[in-house]
N, C-alpha and C. Protein backbone atom coordinates (compact mmCIF):
# COMPACT_ATOMS: atom_id res chain seq x y z
N THR A 1 0.82 -1.19 0.00
CA THR A 1 0.00 0.00 0.00
C THR A 1 0.86 1.25 0.00
N LEU A 2 1.92 1.24 0.79
CA LEU A 2 2.82 2.39 0.85
C LEU A 2 3.49 2.64 -0.50
N ALA A 3 3.90 1.59 -1.18
CA ALA A 3 4.53 1.75 -2.50
C ALA A 3 3.55 2.34 -3.51
N ARG A 4 2.29 1.90 -3.48
CA ARG A 4 1.28 2.45 -4.38
C ARG A 4 1.02 3.92 -4.08
N PHE A 5 0.99 4.26 -2.79
CA PHE A 5 0.78 5.65 -2.40
C PHE A 5 1.92 6.54 -2.89
N GLN A 6 3.15 6.06 -2.75
CA GLN A 6 4.30 6.84 -3.21
C GLN A 6 4.28 7.00 -4.73
N THR A 7 3.90 5.97 -5.44
CA THR A 7 3.79 6.05 -6.90
C THR A 7 2.73 7.08 -7.29
N PHE A 8 1.59 7.05 -6.60
CA PHE A 8 0.53 8.02 -6.85
C PHE A 8 1.02 9.43 -6.56
N GLN A 9 1.75 9.60 -5.47
CA GLN A 9 2.27 10.90 -5.09
C GLN A 9 3.27 11.43 -6.13
N LEU A 10 4.17 10.58 -6.61
CA LEU A 10 5.14 10.99 -7.61
C LEU A 10 4.46 11.35 -8.94
N ALA A 11 3.46 10.58 -9.33
CA ALA A 11 2.74 10.87 -10.57
C ALA A 11 2.00 12.21 -10.45
N GLY A 12 1.43 12.47 -9.30
CA GLY A 12 0.74 13.74 -9.07
C GLY A 12 1.69 14.92 -9.12
N ALA A 13 2.87 14.77 -8.56
CA ALA A 13 3.87 15.84 -8.57
C ALA A 13 4.36 16.10 -9.99
N ALA A 14 4.57 15.05 -10.78
CA ALA A 14 5.01 15.21 -12.16
C ALA A 14 3.93 15.90 -12.99
N SER A 15 2.69 15.52 -12.78
CA SER A 15 1.58 16.13 -13.51
C SER A 15 1.45 17.61 -13.16
N LEU A 16 1.61 17.93 -11.89
CA LEU A 16 1.54 19.32 -11.45
C LEU A 16 2.67 20.14 -12.07
N ALA A 17 3.87 19.58 -12.13
CA ALA A 17 5.01 20.29 -12.73
C ALA A 17 4.76 20.54 -14.22
N THR A 18 4.22 19.56 -14.93
CA THR A 18 3.93 19.72 -16.35
C THR A 18 2.86 20.78 -16.57
N THR A 19 1.80 20.73 -15.79
CA THR A 19 0.71 21.70 -15.92
C THR A 19 1.20 23.12 -15.62
N THR A 20 2.00 23.27 -14.58
CA THR A 20 2.52 24.59 -14.22
C THR A 20 3.42 25.13 -15.32
N ALA A 21 4.29 24.30 -15.87
CA ALA A 21 5.18 24.73 -16.95
C ALA A 21 4.38 25.11 -18.20
N ALA A 22 3.34 24.35 -18.52
CA ALA A 22 2.51 24.66 -19.69
C ALA A 22 1.77 25.98 -19.48
N ARG A 23 1.31 26.24 -18.28
CA ARG A 23 0.64 27.51 -17.99
C ARG A 23 1.59 28.68 -18.14
N LEU A 24 2.82 28.51 -17.70
CA LEU A 24 3.83 29.57 -17.89
C LEU A 24 4.08 29.83 -19.37
N GLU A 25 4.16 28.76 -20.15
CA GLU A 25 4.37 28.92 -21.59
C GLU A 25 3.17 29.62 -22.23
N ALA A 26 1.96 29.26 -21.83
CA ALA A 26 0.76 29.91 -22.36
C ALA A 26 0.75 31.39 -21.98
N ASP A 27 1.16 31.70 -20.77
CA ASP A 27 1.24 33.11 -20.34
C ASP A 27 2.27 33.87 -21.17
N ASN A 28 3.42 33.25 -21.44
CA ASN A 28 4.44 33.89 -22.27
C ASN A 28 3.89 34.20 -23.66
N LEU A 29 3.18 33.24 -24.24
CA LEU A 29 2.60 33.46 -25.57
C LEU A 29 1.54 34.55 -25.54
N ALA A 30 0.75 34.61 -24.47
CA ALA A 30 -0.26 35.65 -24.34
C ALA A 30 0.40 37.03 -24.29
N VAL A 31 1.50 37.15 -23.58
CA VAL A 31 2.22 38.43 -23.52
C VAL A 31 2.72 38.81 -24.90
N GLU A 32 3.24 37.83 -25.66
CA GLU A 32 3.72 38.11 -27.02
C GLU A 32 2.57 38.59 -27.91
N VAL A 33 1.41 37.97 -27.79
CA VAL A 33 0.26 38.37 -28.60
C VAL A 33 -0.17 39.79 -28.23
N LEU A 34 -0.20 40.09 -26.94
CA LEU A 34 -0.61 41.42 -26.51
C LEU A 34 0.41 42.49 -26.87
N ALA A 35 1.68 42.14 -26.89
CA ALA A 35 2.74 43.11 -27.19
C ALA A 35 2.94 43.34 -28.69
N ALA A 36 2.41 42.47 -29.52
CA ALA A 36 2.57 42.60 -30.98
C ALA A 36 1.83 43.86 -31.45
N PRO A 37 2.27 44.44 -32.57
CA PRO A 37 1.61 45.64 -33.07
C PRO A 37 0.16 45.40 -33.49
N GLY A 38 -0.19 44.17 -33.81
CA GLY A 38 -1.56 43.87 -34.20
C GLY A 38 -1.91 42.44 -33.88
N ALA A 39 -3.21 42.18 -33.89
CA ALA A 39 -3.69 40.82 -33.62
C ALA A 39 -3.39 39.92 -34.81
N PRO A 40 -3.18 38.63 -34.58
CA PRO A 40 -2.98 37.72 -35.71
C PRO A 40 -4.24 37.66 -36.57
N THR A 41 -4.06 37.49 -37.86
CA THR A 41 -5.20 37.44 -38.78
C THR A 41 -5.60 36.00 -39.13
N GLY A 42 -4.80 35.04 -38.73
CA GLY A 42 -5.09 33.64 -39.00
C GLY A 42 -4.40 32.77 -37.98
N PRO A 43 -4.68 31.48 -37.99
CA PRO A 43 -4.07 30.57 -37.02
C PRO A 43 -2.55 30.53 -37.15
N ILE A 44 -1.90 30.42 -36.02
CA ILE A 44 -0.44 30.31 -35.96
C ILE A 44 -0.12 29.09 -35.10
N THR A 45 0.75 28.22 -35.61
CA THR A 45 1.21 27.09 -34.81
C THR A 45 2.73 27.18 -34.71
N GLY A 46 3.25 26.59 -33.66
CA GLY A 46 4.69 26.63 -33.49
C GLY A 46 5.16 25.73 -32.38
N THR A 47 6.46 25.72 -32.22
CA THR A 47 7.10 24.90 -31.19
C THR A 47 8.10 25.77 -30.45
N THR A 48 8.14 25.64 -29.14
CA THR A 48 9.12 26.34 -28.33
C THR A 48 9.72 25.36 -27.33
N VAL A 49 10.88 25.69 -26.84
CA VAL A 49 11.51 24.91 -25.77
C VAL A 49 11.60 25.82 -24.57
N ASN A 50 11.01 25.38 -23.48
CA ASN A 50 11.01 26.17 -22.26
C ASN A 50 10.97 25.21 -21.07
N LEU A 51 11.73 25.52 -20.07
CA LEU A 51 11.80 24.71 -18.84
C LEU A 51 12.17 23.26 -19.15
N GLY A 52 13.04 23.08 -20.15
CA GLY A 52 13.54 21.75 -20.48
C GLY A 52 12.57 20.87 -21.24
N ARG A 53 11.47 21.44 -21.72
CA ARG A 53 10.48 20.67 -22.47
C ARG A 53 10.21 21.33 -23.81
N THR A 54 9.79 20.53 -24.76
CA THR A 54 9.35 21.06 -26.04
C THR A 54 7.83 21.21 -25.98
N TRP A 55 7.37 22.43 -26.26
CA TRP A 55 5.94 22.74 -26.22
C TRP A 55 5.45 23.04 -27.63
N HIS A 56 4.28 22.54 -27.95
CA HIS A 56 3.64 22.81 -29.23
C HIS A 56 2.44 23.70 -28.93
N HIS A 57 2.32 24.77 -29.69
CA HIS A 57 1.24 25.71 -29.41
C HIS A 57 0.47 26.09 -30.66
N SER A 58 -0.74 26.53 -30.42
CA SER A 58 -1.56 27.11 -31.49
C SER A 58 -2.16 28.40 -30.96
N ILE A 59 -2.18 29.39 -31.83
CA ILE A 59 -2.76 30.70 -31.52
C ILE A 59 -3.81 30.94 -32.59
N VAL A 60 -5.07 31.03 -32.17
CA VAL A 60 -6.17 31.11 -33.13
C VAL A 60 -7.02 32.34 -32.84
N PRO A 61 -7.06 33.29 -33.80
CA PRO A 61 -7.94 34.45 -33.62
C PRO A 61 -9.38 34.11 -33.99
N ALA A 62 -10.29 34.82 -33.36
CA ALA A 62 -11.72 34.63 -33.64
C ALA A 62 -12.41 35.97 -33.40
N PRO A 63 -13.60 36.14 -33.94
CA PRO A 63 -14.32 37.39 -33.67
C PRO A 63 -14.58 37.55 -32.17
N ALA A 64 -14.54 38.77 -31.73
CA ALA A 64 -14.83 39.06 -30.32
C ALA A 64 -16.32 38.80 -30.05
N PRO A 65 -16.69 38.60 -28.80
CA PRO A 65 -18.11 38.44 -28.48
C PRO A 65 -18.90 39.66 -28.95
N PRO A 66 -20.14 39.46 -29.38
CA PRO A 66 -20.92 40.60 -29.88
C PRO A 66 -21.23 41.58 -28.75
N HIS A 67 -20.70 42.76 -28.92
CA HIS A 67 -20.95 43.85 -27.96
C HIS A 67 -20.58 45.14 -28.65
N PRO A 68 -21.35 46.20 -28.46
CA PRO A 68 -21.04 47.45 -29.16
C PRO A 68 -19.63 47.98 -28.88
N LEU A 69 -19.10 47.73 -27.71
CA LEU A 69 -17.77 48.23 -27.37
C LEU A 69 -16.65 47.31 -27.84
N ALA A 70 -17.01 46.15 -28.40
CA ALA A 70 -16.00 45.18 -28.82
C ALA A 70 -15.77 45.17 -30.32
N ALA A 71 -16.21 46.21 -31.02
CA ALA A 71 -16.12 46.23 -32.48
C ALA A 71 -14.68 46.14 -32.97
N ASP A 72 -13.72 46.68 -32.24
CA ASP A 72 -12.33 46.68 -32.68
C ASP A 72 -11.51 45.60 -31.98
N LEU A 73 -12.16 44.68 -31.30
CA LEU A 73 -11.44 43.65 -30.55
C LEU A 73 -11.42 42.32 -31.29
N VAL A 74 -10.40 41.54 -31.00
CA VAL A 74 -10.25 40.19 -31.54
C VAL A 74 -10.06 39.25 -30.35
N GLN A 75 -10.77 38.14 -30.36
CA GLN A 75 -10.55 37.11 -29.35
C GLN A 75 -9.41 36.23 -29.84
N VAL A 76 -8.49 35.91 -28.95
CA VAL A 76 -7.36 35.06 -29.32
C VAL A 76 -7.31 33.88 -28.35
N ASP A 77 -7.38 32.67 -28.91
CA ASP A 77 -7.30 31.45 -28.10
C ASP A 77 -5.91 30.85 -28.25
N ILE A 78 -5.28 30.54 -27.12
CA ILE A 78 -3.94 29.97 -27.10
C ILE A 78 -4.02 28.59 -26.45
N ALA A 79 -3.44 27.60 -27.09
CA ALA A 79 -3.39 26.24 -26.53
C ALA A 79 -1.95 25.76 -26.56
N VAL A 80 -1.52 25.17 -25.46
CA VAL A 80 -0.15 24.66 -25.33
C VAL A 80 -0.24 23.19 -24.93
N GLY A 81 0.50 22.34 -25.66
CA GLY A 81 0.49 20.91 -25.36
C GLY A 81 1.84 20.28 -25.59
N LEU A 82 1.92 19.00 -25.31
CA LEU A 82 3.16 18.26 -25.46
C LEU A 82 3.32 17.65 -26.85
N GLU A 83 2.21 17.49 -27.59
CA GLU A 83 2.23 16.90 -28.92
C GLU A 83 1.57 17.87 -29.90
N PRO A 84 2.07 17.94 -31.15
CA PRO A 84 1.42 18.81 -32.13
C PRO A 84 -0.02 18.38 -32.37
N GLY A 85 -0.95 19.28 -32.21
CA GLY A 85 -2.36 18.98 -32.42
C GLY A 85 -2.98 18.11 -31.34
N GLY A 86 -2.22 17.80 -30.31
CA GLY A 86 -2.73 16.94 -29.24
C GLY A 86 -3.56 17.70 -28.22
N GLN A 87 -3.94 17.00 -27.20
CA GLN A 87 -4.72 17.58 -26.11
C GLN A 87 -3.93 18.71 -25.45
N PRO A 88 -4.52 19.91 -25.32
CA PRO A 88 -3.78 20.98 -24.67
C PRO A 88 -3.61 20.73 -23.17
N VAL A 89 -2.47 21.11 -22.67
CA VAL A 89 -2.20 21.02 -21.23
C VAL A 89 -2.63 22.32 -20.56
N ALA A 90 -2.50 23.44 -21.29
CA ALA A 90 -2.90 24.75 -20.77
C ALA A 90 -3.50 25.57 -21.91
N THR A 91 -4.48 26.39 -21.58
CA THR A 91 -5.10 27.27 -22.56
C THR A 91 -5.25 28.67 -21.97
N ARG A 92 -5.30 29.63 -22.85
CA ARG A 92 -5.58 31.01 -22.47
C ARG A 92 -6.50 31.60 -23.53
N ARG A 93 -7.40 32.47 -23.12
CA ARG A 93 -8.27 33.21 -24.03
C ARG A 93 -8.16 34.67 -23.64
N LEU A 94 -7.91 35.50 -24.65
CA LEU A 94 -7.78 36.92 -24.36
C LEU A 94 -8.42 37.75 -25.45
N LEU A 95 -8.68 39.00 -25.13
CA LEU A 95 -9.18 39.97 -26.09
C LEU A 95 -8.12 41.04 -26.28
N ARG A 96 -7.93 41.44 -27.52
CA ARG A 96 -6.99 42.52 -27.79
C ARG A 96 -7.52 43.32 -28.98
N SER A 97 -7.01 44.54 -29.13
CA SER A 97 -7.43 45.35 -30.27
C SER A 97 -6.84 44.78 -31.55
N ARG A 98 -7.49 45.06 -32.65
CA ARG A 98 -6.98 44.60 -33.94
C ARG A 98 -5.62 45.21 -34.23
N GLY A 99 -5.43 46.47 -33.90
CA GLY A 99 -4.16 47.14 -34.13
C GLY A 99 -3.75 47.02 -35.58
N LEU A 100 -2.46 47.01 -35.83
CA LEU A 100 -1.93 46.78 -37.17
C LEU A 100 -2.09 45.31 -37.48
N GLN A 101 -2.63 44.98 -38.62
CA GLN A 101 -2.88 43.58 -38.96
C GLN A 101 -1.56 42.87 -39.30
N VAL A 102 -1.34 41.73 -38.68
CA VAL A 102 -0.14 40.93 -38.87
C VAL A 102 -0.55 39.64 -39.58
N ALA A 103 0.11 39.32 -40.66
CA ALA A 103 -0.20 38.10 -41.40
C ALA A 103 0.19 36.87 -40.59
N ALA A 104 -0.59 35.81 -40.70
CA ALA A 104 -0.28 34.55 -40.00
C ALA A 104 1.02 33.98 -40.55
N GLN A 105 1.77 33.35 -39.69
CA GLN A 105 3.07 32.77 -40.06
C GLN A 105 2.98 31.28 -40.16
């Protein structure tokens, strides 16, 4: 029983470390999106290495929620995972102004 408990504890700690690192990577990408001169105009995918892991991300713009004050806003969804196109470990959703339009890469 003690061995099973320790295995469970180690798996939980590893999962927590992965989730925390993915959230940090998603936050970094969100800062990059907000700091860019304009919102992305199409989906962007990429790979980064951070905290000793390779992260695969997608950044997908979408229309902002319908609201009179949101006419110049773009919703941006960010997903970070361990495999390209796989289940995201962390996600972020943000709104930003259209700004200068940047072509998808």
